[in-house]
PDB file of N, CA and C in Angstrom:
ATOM      1  N   UNK A   1     100.893 118.003 105.150  1.00  0.00           N
ATOM      2  CA  UNK A   1     100.010 118.896 104.296  1.00  0.00           C
ATOM      3  C   UNK A   1      99.561 118.030 103.126  1.00  0.00           C
ATOM      4  N   UNK A   2      98.305 118.423 102.731  1.00  0.00           N
ATOM      5  CA  UNK A   2      97.706 117.674 101.727  1.00  0.00           C
ATOM      6  C   UNK A   2      97.847 118.558 100.439  1.00  0.00           C
ATOM      7  N   UNK A   3      98.199 118.051  99.341  1.00  0.00           N
ATOM      8  CA  UNK A   3      98.360 118.930  98.062  1.00  0.00           C
ATOM      9  C   UNK A   3      96.668 119.291  97.647  1.00  0.00           C
ATOM     10  N   UNK A   4      96.659 120.120  96.715  1.00  0.00           N
ATOM     11  CA  UNK A   4      95.315 120.583  96.243  1.00  0.00           C
ATOM     12  C   UNK A   4      94.714 119.533  95.353  1.00  0.00           C
ATOM     13  N   UNK A   5      93.417 119.721  95.206  1.00  0.00           N
ATOM     14  CA  UNK A   5      92.638 118.522  94.440  1.00  0.00           C
ATOM     15  C   UNK A   5      93.225 118.587  92.943  1.00  0.00           C
ATOM     16  N   UNK A   6      93.417 119.780  92.329  1.00  0.00           N
ATOM     17  CA  UNK A   6      94.085 119.549  90.896  1.00  0.00           C
ATOM     18  C   UNK A   6      95.438 118.924  90.902  1.00  0.00           C
ATOM     19  N   UNK A   7      96.220 119.170  91.863  1.00  0.00           N
ATOM     20  CA  UNK A   7      97.430 118.526  91.926  1.00  0.00           C
ATOM     21  C   UNK A   7      97.328 117.019  91.957  1.00  0.00           C
ATOM     22  N   UNK A   8      96.438 116.518  92.883  1.00  0.00           N
ATOM     23  CA  UNK A   8      96.021 115.157  93.116  1.00  0.00           C
ATOM     24  C   UNK A   8      95.562 114.552  91.904  1.00  0.00           C
ATOM     25  N   UNK A   9      94.725 115.245  91.240  1.00  0.00           N
ATOM     26  CA  UNK A   9      94.049 114.828  89.962  1.00  0.00           C
ATOM     27  C   UNK A   9      95.085 114.387  88.863  1.00  0.00           C
ATOM     28  N   UNK A  10      96.206 115.114  89.003  1.00  0.00           N
ATOM     29  CA  UNK A  10      97.219 114.820  87.930  1.00  0.00           C
ATOM     30  C   UNK A  10      98.264 113.861  88.514  1.00  0.00           C
ATOM     31  N   UNK A  11      98.557 114.077  89.831  1.00  0.00           N
ATOM     32  CA  UNK A  11      99.579 113.166  90.392  1.00  0.00           C
ATOM     33  C   UNK A  11      99.215 111.699  90.497  1.00  0.00           C
ATOM     34  N   UNK A  12      98.108 111.408  90.945  1.00  0.00           N
ATOM     35  CA  UNK A  12      97.833 110.038  91.266  1.00  0.00           C
ATOM     36  C   UNK A  12      97.750 109.115  90.111  1.00  0.00           C
ATOM     37  N   UNK A  13      97.178 109.551  88.862  1.00  0.00           N
ATOM     38  CA  UNK A  13      97.254 108.743  87.617  1.00  0.00           C
ATOM     39  C   UNK A  13      98.740 108.458  87.197  1.00  0.00           C
ATOM     40  N   UNK A  14      99.626 109.535  87.356  1.00  0.00           N
ATOM     41  CA  UNK A  14     100.932 109.454  86.978  1.00  0.00           C
ATOM     42  C   UNK A  14     101.711 108.490  87.878  1.00  0.00           C
ATOM     43  N   UNK A  15     101.388 108.648  89.080  1.00  0.00           N
ATOM     44  CA  UNK A  15     102.249 107.746  90.139  1.00  0.00           C
ATOM     45  C   UNK A  15     101.697 106.390  89.966  1.00  0.00           C
ATOM     46  N   UNK A  16     100.476 106.138  89.559  1.00  0.00           N
ATOM     47  CA  UNK A  16      99.903 104.687  89.273  1.00  0.00           C
ATOM     48  C   UNK A  16     100.620 104.147  88.062  1.00  0.00           C
ATOM     49  N   UNK A  17     100.690 104.976  86.984  1.00  0.00           N
ATOM     50  CA  UNK A  17     101.329 104.578  85.783  1.00  0.00           C
ATOM     51  C   UNK A  17     102.780 104.258  86.064  1.00  0.00           C
ATOM     52  N   UNK A  18     103.336 105.073  86.663  1.00  0.00           N
ATOM     53  CA  UNK A  18     104.940 104.934  86.973  1.00  0.00           C
ATOM     54  C   UNK A  18     105.091 103.644  87.632  1.00  0.00           C
ATOM     55  N   UNK A  19     104.240 103.251  88.593  1.00  0.00           N
ATOM     56  CA  UNK A  19     104.371 102.006  89.482  1.00  0.00           C
ATOM     57  C   UNK A  19     104.295 100.907  88.619  1.00  0.00           C
ATOM     58  N   UNK A  20     103.121 100.934  87.743  1.00  0.00           N
ATOM     59  CA  UNK A  20     102.935  99.882  86.611  1.00  0.00           C
ATOM     60  C   UNK A  20     104.152  99.543  85.870  1.00  0.00           C
ATOM     61  N   UNK A  21     104.735 100.549  85.274  1.00  0.00           N
ATOM     62  CA  UNK A  21     105.952 100.408  84.504  1.00  0.00           C
ATOM     63  C   UNK A  21     107.162 100.003  85.341  1.00  0.00           C
ATOM     64  N   UNK A  22     107.196 100.634  86.404  1.00  0.00           N
ATOM     65  CA  UNK A  22     108.398 100.017  87.368  1.00  0.00           C
ATOM     66  C   UNK A  22     108.331  98.566  87.584  1.00  0.00           C
ATOM     67  N   UNK A  23     107.102  98.121  87.976  1.00  0.00           N
ATOM     68  CA  UNK A  23     106.860  96.608  88.245  1.00  0.00           C
ATOM     69  C   UNK A  23     107.068  95.787  87.096  1.00  0.00           C
ATOM     70  N   UNK A  24     106.580  96.396  85.842  1.00  0.00           N
ATOM     71  CA  UNK A  24     106.813  95.503  84.553  1.00  0.00           C
ATOM     72  C   UNK A  24     108.128  95.346  84.124  1.00  0.00           C
ATOM     73  N   UNK A  25     109.096  96.391  84.519  1.00  0.00           N
ATOM     74  CA  UNK A  25     110.523  96.391  84.107  1.00  0.00           C
ATOM     75  C   UNK A  25     111.501  95.719  85.124  1.00  0.00           C
ATOM     76  N   UNK A  26     111.088  95.883  86.387  1.00  0.00           N
ATOM     77  CA  UNK A  26     112.112  95.546  87.407  1.00  0.00           C
ATOM     78  C   UNK A  26     111.779  94.224  88.142  1.00  0.00           C
ATOM     79  N   UNK A  27     110.517  94.047  88.358  1.00  0.00           N
ATOM     80  CA  UNK A  27     110.149  92.930  89.219  1.00  0.00           C
ATOM     81  C   UNK A  27     110.022  91.702  88.372  1.00  0.00           C
ATOM     82  N   UNK A  28     110.816  90.533  88.765  1.00  0.00           N
ATOM     83  CA  UNK A  28     110.996  89.446  88.139  1.00  0.00           C
ATOM     84  C   UNK A  28     109.687  88.538  88.328  1.00  0.00           C
ATOM     85  N   UNK A  29     108.836  88.817  89.353  1.00  0.00           N
ATOM     86  CA  UNK A  29     107.493  87.857  89.404  1.00  0.00           C
ATOM     87  C   UNK A  29     106.316  88.671  88.792  1.00  0.00           C
ATOM     88  N   UNK A  30     106.578  89.638  88.175  1.00  0.00           N
ATOM     89  CA  UNK A  30     105.559  90.378  87.390  1.00  0.00           C
ATOM     90  C   UNK A  30     104.923  89.403  86.260  1.00  0.00           C
ATOM     91  N   UNK A  31     103.729  89.273  86.357  1.00  0.00           N
ATOM     92  CA  UNK A  31     103.094  88.174  85.291  1.00  0.00           C
ATOM     93  C   UNK A  31     103.473  88.463  83.710  1.00  0.00           C
ATOM     94  N   UNK A  32     103.862  87.692  83.180  1.00  0.00           N
ATOM     95  CA  UNK A  32     104.257  87.794  81.587  1.00  0.00           C
ATOM     96  C   UNK A  32     103.236  87.089  80.796  1.00  0.00           C
ATOM     97  N   UNK A  33     102.863  87.785  79.714  1.00  0.00           N
ATOM     98  CA  UNK A  33     101.779  87.222  78.810  1.00  0.00           C
ATOM     99  C   UNK A  33     100.403  87.342  79.322  1.00  0.00           C
ATOM    100  N   UNK A  34     100.117  88.481  79.888  1.00  0.00           N
ATOM    101  CA  UNK A  34      98.706  88.634  80.556  1.00  0.00           C
ATOM    102  C   UNK A  34      97.979  89.447  79.566  1.00  0.00           C
ATOM    103  N   UNK A  35      97.988  89.010  78.192  1.00  0.00           N
ATOM    104  CA  UNK A  35      97.227  89.893  77.176  1.00  0.00           C
ATOM    105  C   UNK A  35      95.904  89.258  76.854  1.00  0.00           C
ATOM    106  N   UNK A  36      95.653  88.014  77.286  1.00  0.00           N
ATOM    107  CA  UNK A  36      94.388  87.326  77.011  1.00  0.00           C
ATOM    108  C   UNK A  36      93.255  87.883  77.778  1.00  0.00           C
ATOM    109  N   UNK A  37      92.278  88.439  77.299  1.00  0.00           N
ATOM    110  CA  UNK A  37      91.034  89.016  78.047  1.00  0.00           C
ATOM    111  C   UNK A  37      90.327  87.863  78.874  1.00  0.00           C
ATOM    112  N   UNK A  38      90.480  86.642  78.624  1.00  0.00           N
ATOM    113  CA  UNK A  38      89.944  85.733  79.395  1.00  0.00           C
ATOM    114  C   UNK A  38      90.767  85.277  80.667  1.00  0.00           C
ATOM    115  N   UNK A  39      91.938  85.943  80.775  1.00  0.00           N
ATOM    116  CA  UNK A  39      92.832  85.617  81.871  1.00  0.00           C
ATOM    117  C   UNK A  39      92.578  86.502  83.027  1.00  0.00           C
ATOM    118  N   UNK A  40      92.608  85.913  84.279  1.00  0.00           N
ATOM    119  CA  UNK A  40      92.334  86.683  85.389  1.00  0.00           C
ATOM    120  C   UNK A  40      93.480  87.632  85.648  1.00  0.00           C
ATOM    121  N   UNK A  41      94.721  87.275  85.269  1.00  0.00           N
ATOM    122  CA  UNK A  41      95.928  88.150  85.439  1.00  0.00           C
ATOM    123  C   UNK A  41      95.651  89.471  84.629  1.00  0.00           C
ATOM    124  N   UNK A  42      95.036  89.373  83.492  1.00  0.00           N
ATOM    125  CA  UNK A  42      94.730  90.713  82.733  1.00  0.00           C
ATOM    126  C   UNK A  42      94.009  91.650  83.550  1.00  0.00           C
ATOM    127  N   UNK A  43      92.846  91.153  84.244  1.00  0.00           N
ATOM    128  CA  UNK A  43      91.978  91.892  84.988  1.00  0.00           C
ATOM    129  C   UNK A  43      92.680  92.513  86.259  1.00  0.00           C
ATOM    130  N   UNK A  44      93.575  91.554  86.797  1.00  0.00           N
ATOM    131  CA  UNK A  44      94.288  92.087  88.055  1.00  0.00           C
ATOM    132  C   UNK A  44      95.242  93.344  87.690  1.00  0.00           C
ATOM    133  N   UNK A  45      95.664  93.490  86.421  1.00  0.00           N
ATOM    134  CA  UNK A  45      96.537  94.374  85.995  1.00  0.00           C
ATOM    135  C   UNK A  45      95.705  95.669  85.524  1.00  0.00           C
ATOM    136  N   UNK A  46      94.491  95.323  84.930  1.00  0.00           N
ATOM    137  CA  UNK A  46      93.682  96.479  84.512  1.00  0.00           C
ATOM    138  C   UNK A  46      92.923  97.252  85.480  1.00  0.00           C
ATOM    139  N   UNK A  47      92.637  96.557  86.586  1.00  0.00           N
ATOM    140  CA  UNK A  47      91.870  97.337  87.589  1.00  0.00           C
ATOM    141  C   UNK A  47      92.720  98.342  88.335  1.00  0.00           C
ATOM    142  N   UNK A  48      93.910  98.243  88.774  1.00  0.00           N
ATOM    143  CA  UNK A  48      94.565  99.355  89.356  1.00  0.00           C
ATOM    144  C   UNK A  48      94.812 100.473  88.445  1.00  0.00           C
ATOM    145  N   UNK A  49      94.862 100.322  87.242  1.00  0.00           N
ATOM    146  CA  UNK A  49      95.042 101.281  86.220  1.00  0.00           C
ATOM    147  C   UNK A  49      93.743 102.160  85.943  1.00  0.00           C
ATOM    148  N   UNK A  50      92.633 101.219  85.785  1.00  0.00           N
ATOM    149  CA  UNK A  50      91.298 101.931  85.581  1.00  0.00           C
ATOM    150  C   UNK A  50      90.825 102.754  86.517  1.00  0.00           C
ATOM    151  N   UNK A  51      91.067 102.697  87.787  1.00  0.00           N
ATOM    152  CA  UNK A  51      90.417 103.439  88.747  1.00  0.00           C
ATOM    153  C   UNK A  51      91.031 104.711  88.856  1.00  0.00           C
ATOM    154  N   UNK A  52      92.200 105.005  88.822  1.00  0.00           N
ATOM    155  CA  UNK A  52      92.741 106.461  88.796  1.00  0.00           C
ATOM    156  C   UNK A  52      92.389 107.139  87.489  1.00  0.00           C
ATOM    157  N   UNK A  53      92.412 106.369  86.316  1.00  0.00           N
ATOM    158  CA  UNK A  53      92.014 107.103  85.171  1.00  0.00           C
ATOM    159  C   UNK A  53      90.688 107.433  85.136  1.00  0.00           C
ATOM    160  N   UNK A  54      89.566 106.507  85.774  1.00  0.00           N
ATOM    161  CA  UNK A  54      88.380 106.968  85.832  1.00  0.00           C
ATOM    162  C   UNK A  54      88.024 108.164  86.806  1.00  0.00           C
ATOM    163  N   UNK A  55      88.850 108.312  87.898  1.00  0.00           N
ATOM    164  CA  UNK A  55      88.582 109.456  88.811  1.00  0.00           C
ATOM    165  C   UNK A  55      89.176 110.686  88.081  1.00  0.00           C
ATOM    166  N   UNK A  56      90.347 110.498  87.392  1.00  0.00           N
ATOM    167  CA  UNK A  56      90.885 111.794  86.714  1.00  0.00           C
ATOM    168  C   UNK A  56      89.828 112.330  85.649  1.00  0.00           C
ATOM    169  N   UNK A  57      89.287 111.442  84.765  1.00  0.00           N
ATOM    170  CA  UNK A  57      88.257 111.893  83.732  1.00  0.00           C
ATOM    171  C   UNK A  57      87.014 112.224  84.317  1.00  0.00           C
ATOM    172  N   UNK A  58      86.571 111.685  85.488  1.00  0.00           N
ATOM    173  CA  UNK A  58      85.266 112.197  86.198  1.00  0.00           C
ATOM    174  C   UNK A  58      85.517 113.499  86.767  1.00  0.00           C
ATOM    175  N   UNK A  59      86.551 113.757  87.195  1.00  0.00           N
ATOM    176  CA  UNK A  59      86.845 115.163  87.782  1.00  0.00           C
ATOM    177  C   UNK A  59      87.149 116.098  86.616  1.00  0.00           C
ATOM    178  N   UNK A  60      87.768 115.612  85.684  1.00  0.00           N
ATOM    179  CA  UNK A  60      87.880 116.526  84.545  1.00  0.00           C
ATOM    180  C   UNK A  60      86.558 117.076  83.801  1.00  0.00           C
ATOM    181  N   UNK A  61      85.729 116.033  83.738  1.00  0.00           N
ATOM    182  CA  UNK A  61      84.286 116.326  83.224  1.00  0.00           C
ATOM    183  C   UNK A  61      83.584 117.255  84.174  1.00  0.00           C
ATOM    184  N   UNK A  62      83.708 117.033  85.559  1.00  0.00           N
ATOM    185  CA  UNK A  62      83.006 117.874  86.426  1.00  0.00           C
ATOM    186  C   UNK A  62      83.547 119.241  86.367  1.00  0.00           C
ATOM    187  N   UNK A  63      84.881 119.479  86.248  1.00  0.00           N
ATOM    188  CA  UNK A  63      85.479 120.815  86.207  1.00  0.00           C
ATOM    189  C   UNK A  63      84.955 121.423  84.996  1.00  0.00           C
ATOM    190  N   UNK A  64      84.836 120.741  83.836  1.00  0.00           N
ATOM    191  CA  UNK A  64      84.434 121.279  82.558  1.00  0.00           C
ATOM    192  C   UNK A  64      82.977 121.793  82.684  1.00  0.00           C
ATOM    193  N   UNK A  65      82.200 121.025  83.292  1.00  0.00           N
ATOM    194  CA  UNK A  65      80.756 121.372  83.576  1.00  0.00           C
ATOM    195  C   UNK A  65      80.650 122.629  84.457  1.00  0.00           C
ATOM    196  N   UNK A  66      81.494 122.669  85.477  1.00  0.00           N
ATOM    197  CA  UNK A  66      81.469 123.825  86.410  1.00  0.00           C
ATOM    198  C   UNK A  66      81.834 125.117  85.658  1.00  0.00           C
ATOM    199  N   UNK A  67      82.896 125.021  84.972  1.00  0.00           N
ATOM    200  CA  UNK A  67      83.368 126.147  84.118  1.00  0.00           C
ATOM    201  C   UNK A  67      82.353 126.698  83.035  1.00  0.00           C
ATOM    202  N   UNK A  68      81.850 125.601  82.312  1.00  0.00           N
ATOM    203  CA  UNK A  68      80.863 125.929  81.387  1.00  0.00           C
ATOM    204  C   UNK A  68      79.552 126.795  82.010  1.00  0.00           C
ATOM    205  N   UNK A  69      79.131 126.303  83.067  1.00  0.00           N
ATOM    206  CA  UNK A  69      77.923 126.934  83.587  1.00  0.00           C
ATOM    207  C   UNK A  69      78.205 128.292  84.236  1.00  0.00           C
ATOM    208  N   UNK A  70      79.492 128.493  84.667  1.00  0.00           N
ATOM    209  CA  UNK A  70      79.787 129.757  85.399  1.00  0.00           C
ATOM    210  C   UNK A  70      80.360 130.881  84.304  1.00  0.00           C
ATOM    211  N   UNK A  71      80.499 130.449  83.141  1.00  0.00           N
ATOM    212  CA  UNK A  71      80.854 131.571  82.138  1.00  0.00           C
ATOM    213  C   UNK A  71      79.832 131.778  81.091  1.00  0.00           C
TER     214      UNK A  71
END
């Protein structure tokens, strides 16, 4: 069974963030010192976090527009 869209909208960013925190704390091979924006490592960590956050806020905006137009 698939969860509803609002559930997925909240669940996917939280799972992505939890996975990132888990990797950062547990995995020994997690890259350390990826704070320089010129580093490829920085963008390899930024992209998996950016996509779910973008989807979440895109759907949030879309729902806001739908609610505004129907009220």
